[in-house]
Amino acid sequence: MTSIQVIGNPKEGSRTREAAELLAEALTDGPRTTIELAPLGPSLLGWGDESVAAARDAVAGARLAVFASPTFKATYTGLLKLFLEKFDGGTGLAGVTVVPLMLGASERHALAPELTLRPVLTELGAVTLPGLYLLDSTFRDDGEIAAYAAKFRPVVDRLSEA
């Protein structure tokens, strides 16, 4: 199964990327691709940029996509918002199983993936799994990724067969 991790962190090589890659690895055995949005920055503001279109098309063609963002002012980043605007409403992510993933410094924003990111992904037509919120200081060792994967990998496998 092809999976893509879309990283909405304005800093390349971030903990957000690391967490998204760990989650994708735990959810699927197939080839994985990571798309960092930071290098696309200004290109996301306009329409018709070939690199943005290629990234959008790659995500739309994936079986599994992890959309990852740090928690920024209680929601996902504007960088990720700009990228999500490139998908057609209702159909842009049709057929893609999606995991909303957000990282933050405290549990105060633990509902952010469910309340802010998941509804947008669902509106774009994705089959959206429950969101995952991780503490950026403990995600490597706290077992949250493994627990999420144990619960939802069978769902991902079943959806990829459909």
Protein backbone atom coordinates (compact mmCIF):
# COMPACT_ATOMS: atom_id res chain seq x y z
CA MET A 1 0.00 0.00 0.00
CA THR A 2 1.28 3.45 -0.87
CA SER A 3 1.34 5.93 1.99
CA ILE A 4 2.22 9.59 2.08
CA GLN A 5 3.03 11.78 5.03
CA VAL A 6 2.16 15.45 4.54
CA ILE A 7 4.14 17.60 6.95
CA GLY A 8 2.65 21.01 7.75
CA ASN A 9 5.49 22.16 9.98
CA PRO A 10 7.21 25.33 8.69
CA LYS A 11 10.52 23.83 9.84
CA GLU A 12 11.93 21.02 7.71
CA GLY A 13 13.18 17.89 9.45
CA SER A 14 10.95 18.50 12.47
CA ARG A 15 9.64 16.23 15.21
CA THR A 16 6.32 16.47 13.36
CA ARG A 17 7.93 14.73 10.39
CA GLU A 18 9.52 12.10 12.60
CA ALA A 19 6.22 11.32 14.32
CA ALA A 20 4.34 11.11 10.99
CA GLU A 21 6.93 8.74 9.55
CA LEU A 22 6.84 6.54 12.65
CA LEU A 23 3.05 6.41 12.49
CA ALA A 24 2.99 5.56 8.77
CA GLU A 25 5.58 2.84 9.34
CA ALA A 26 3.43 1.37 12.11
CA LEU A 27 0.27 1.44 9.97
CA THR A 28 1.56 -0.02 6.69
CA ASP A 29 4.37 -2.04 5.16
CA GLY A 30 4.25 -0.52 1.69
CA PRO A 31 6.30 2.25 0.15
CA ARG A 32 6.14 5.58 1.93
CA THR A 33 6.75 9.11 0.73
CA THR A 34 7.09 12.26 2.81
CA ILE A 35 6.03 15.64 1.48
CA GLU A 36 7.35 18.58 3.47
CA LEU A 37 5.23 21.67 2.77
CA ALA A 38 7.84 24.17 4.01
CA PRO A 39 9.80 24.20 0.72
CA LEU A 40 6.56 24.82 -1.19
CA GLY A 41 5.78 27.87 1.01
CA PRO A 42 5.15 30.81 -1.37
CA SER A 43 4.04 28.47 -4.17
CA LEU A 44 1.02 27.51 -2.07
CA LEU A 45 -0.30 31.08 -2.24
CA GLY A 46 -1.05 30.96 -5.95
CA TRP A 47 -2.62 28.57 -8.41
CA GLY A 48 -0.99 26.54 -11.14
CA ASP A 49 2.38 25.79 -9.56
CA GLU A 50 3.57 22.44 -10.91
CA SER A 51 5.31 21.29 -7.71
CA VAL A 52 2.20 21.97 -5.65
CA ALA A 53 0.00 20.19 -8.21
CA ALA A 54 2.35 17.19 -8.19
CA ALA A 55 2.22 17.02 -4.39
CA ARG A 56 -1.58 17.32 -4.40
CA ASP A 57 -1.92 14.60 -7.06
CA ALA A 58 0.44 12.28 -5.19
CA VAL A 59 -1.62 12.64 -2.01
CA ALA A 60 -4.90 12.18 -3.89
CA GLY A 61 -3.53 8.94 -5.39
CA ALA A 62 -2.29 7.45 -2.12
CA ARG A 63 -4.10 4.73 -0.23
CA LEU A 64 -3.05 6.15 3.16
CA ALA A 65 -2.12 9.75 4.01
CA VAL A 66 -0.97 11.05 7.36
CA PHE A 67 -1.57 14.80 7.61
CA ALA A 68 0.73 16.05 10.36
CA SER A 69 1.03 19.45 11.96
CA PRO A 70 2.31 20.98 15.15
CA THR A 71 -0.40 22.54 17.24
CA PHE A 72 -0.26 26.23 16.42
CA LYS A 73 -2.59 28.56 18.32
CA ALA A 74 -4.84 25.57 19.11
CA THR A 75 -5.11 24.42 15.49
CA TYR A 76 -3.00 23.23 12.55
CA THR A 77 -0.61 25.50 10.68
CA GLY A 78 -1.53 27.96 7.94
CA LEU A 79 0.95 26.13 5.71
CA LEU A 80 -1.18 22.98 5.93
CA LYS A 81 -4.35 25.03 5.43
CA LEU A 82 -2.97 26.48 2.21
CA PHE A 83 -2.17 22.99 0.92
CA LEU A 84 -5.60 21.63 1.83
CA GLU A 85 -7.16 24.47 -0.20
CA LYS A 86 -5.69 22.82 -3.32
CA PHE A 87 -8.08 19.84 -3.05
CA ASP A 88 -11.60 19.89 -4.48
CA GLY A 89 -14.32 19.87 -1.82
CA GLY A 90 -16.08 16.55 -1.38
CA THR A 91 -13.91 14.66 -3.85
CA GLY A 92 -10.31 15.84 -3.56
CA LEU A 93 -9.35 13.05 -1.17
CA ALA A 94 -11.96 10.49 -2.22
CA GLY A 95 -10.64 6.97 -1.79
CA VAL A 96 -7.80 8.03 0.51
CA THR A 97 -7.68 6.78 4.09
CA VAL A 98 -6.41 9.67 6.19
CA VAL A 99 -5.00 10.06 9.69
CA PRO A 100 -4.97 13.56 11.23
CA LEU A 101 -1.88 13.83 13.44
CA MET A 102 -0.93 16.77 15.61
CA LEU A 103 1.86 17.36 18.09
CA GLY A 104 1.94 19.78 20.96
CA ALA A 105 3.70 20.69 24.18
CA SER A 106 0.84 19.84 26.56
CA GLU A 107 -2.36 17.87 26.79
CA ARG A 108 -4.38 21.10 26.67
CA HIS A 109 -4.76 20.74 22.90
CA ALA A 110 -5.37 16.98 22.81
CA LEU A 111 -8.68 17.42 20.95
CA ALA A 112 -7.17 19.61 18.22
CA PRO A 113 -6.86 16.82 15.61
CA GLU A 114 -10.49 15.85 16.12
CA LEU A 115 -11.94 19.35 16.32
CA THR A 116 -9.89 21.21 13.73
CA LEU A 117 -8.17 18.90 11.25
CA ARG A 118 -10.40 15.85 10.96
CA PRO A 119 -13.53 17.78 9.83
CA VAL A 120 -11.62 19.44 6.97
CA LEU A 121 -10.18 16.13 5.76
CA THR A 122 -13.63 14.56 5.90
CA GLU A 123 -15.08 17.49 3.96
CA LEU A 124 -12.52 16.80 1.23
CA GLY A 125 -13.92 13.28 0.82
CA ALA A 126 -11.35 11.26 2.75
CA VAL A 127 -12.09 8.20 4.82
CA THR A 128 -10.84 9.77 8.02
CA LEU A 129 -9.63 7.73 10.96
CA PRO A 130 -9.74 9.22 14.45
CA GLY A 131 -7.10 11.85 15.03
CA LEU A 132 -3.97 11.26 17.05
CA TYR A 133 -2.44 13.87 19.33
CA LEU A 134 1.10 13.37 20.60
CA LEU A 135 3.24 15.25 23.05
CA ASP A 136 6.26 16.42 21.13
CA SER A 137 8.53 15.67 24.10
CA THR A 138 7.47 12.04 24.65
CA PHE A 139 6.10 10.56 21.40
CA ARG A 140 9.21 8.50 20.72
CA ASP A 141 8.87 6.53 23.95
CA ASP A 142 5.32 6.84 25.31
CA GLY A 143 3.77 3.99 23.29
CA GLU A 144 0.98 6.14 21.83
CA ILE A 145 1.95 5.42 18.20
CA ALA A 146 2.12 1.67 18.86
CA ALA A 147 -1.24 1.72 20.65
CA TYR A 148 -2.87 3.67 17.81
CA ALA A 149 -1.40 1.29 15.22
CA ALA A 150 -2.52 -1.79 17.15
CA LYS A 151 -6.07 -0.46 17.10
CA PHE A 152 -6.23 0.96 13.57
CA ARG A 153 -3.80 -1.05 11.42
CA PRO A 154 -6.45 -3.75 10.86
CA VAL A 155 -8.82 -0.98 9.70
CA VAL A 156 -6.18 0.42 7.33
CA ASP A 157 -5.47 -3.09 5.98
CA ARG A 158 -9.17 -3.74 5.42
CA LEU A 159 -9.71 -0.40 3.70
CA SER A 160 -6.74 -0.98 1.40
CA GLU A 161 -8.33 -4.25 0.26
CA ALA A 162 -11.56 -2.47 -0.67
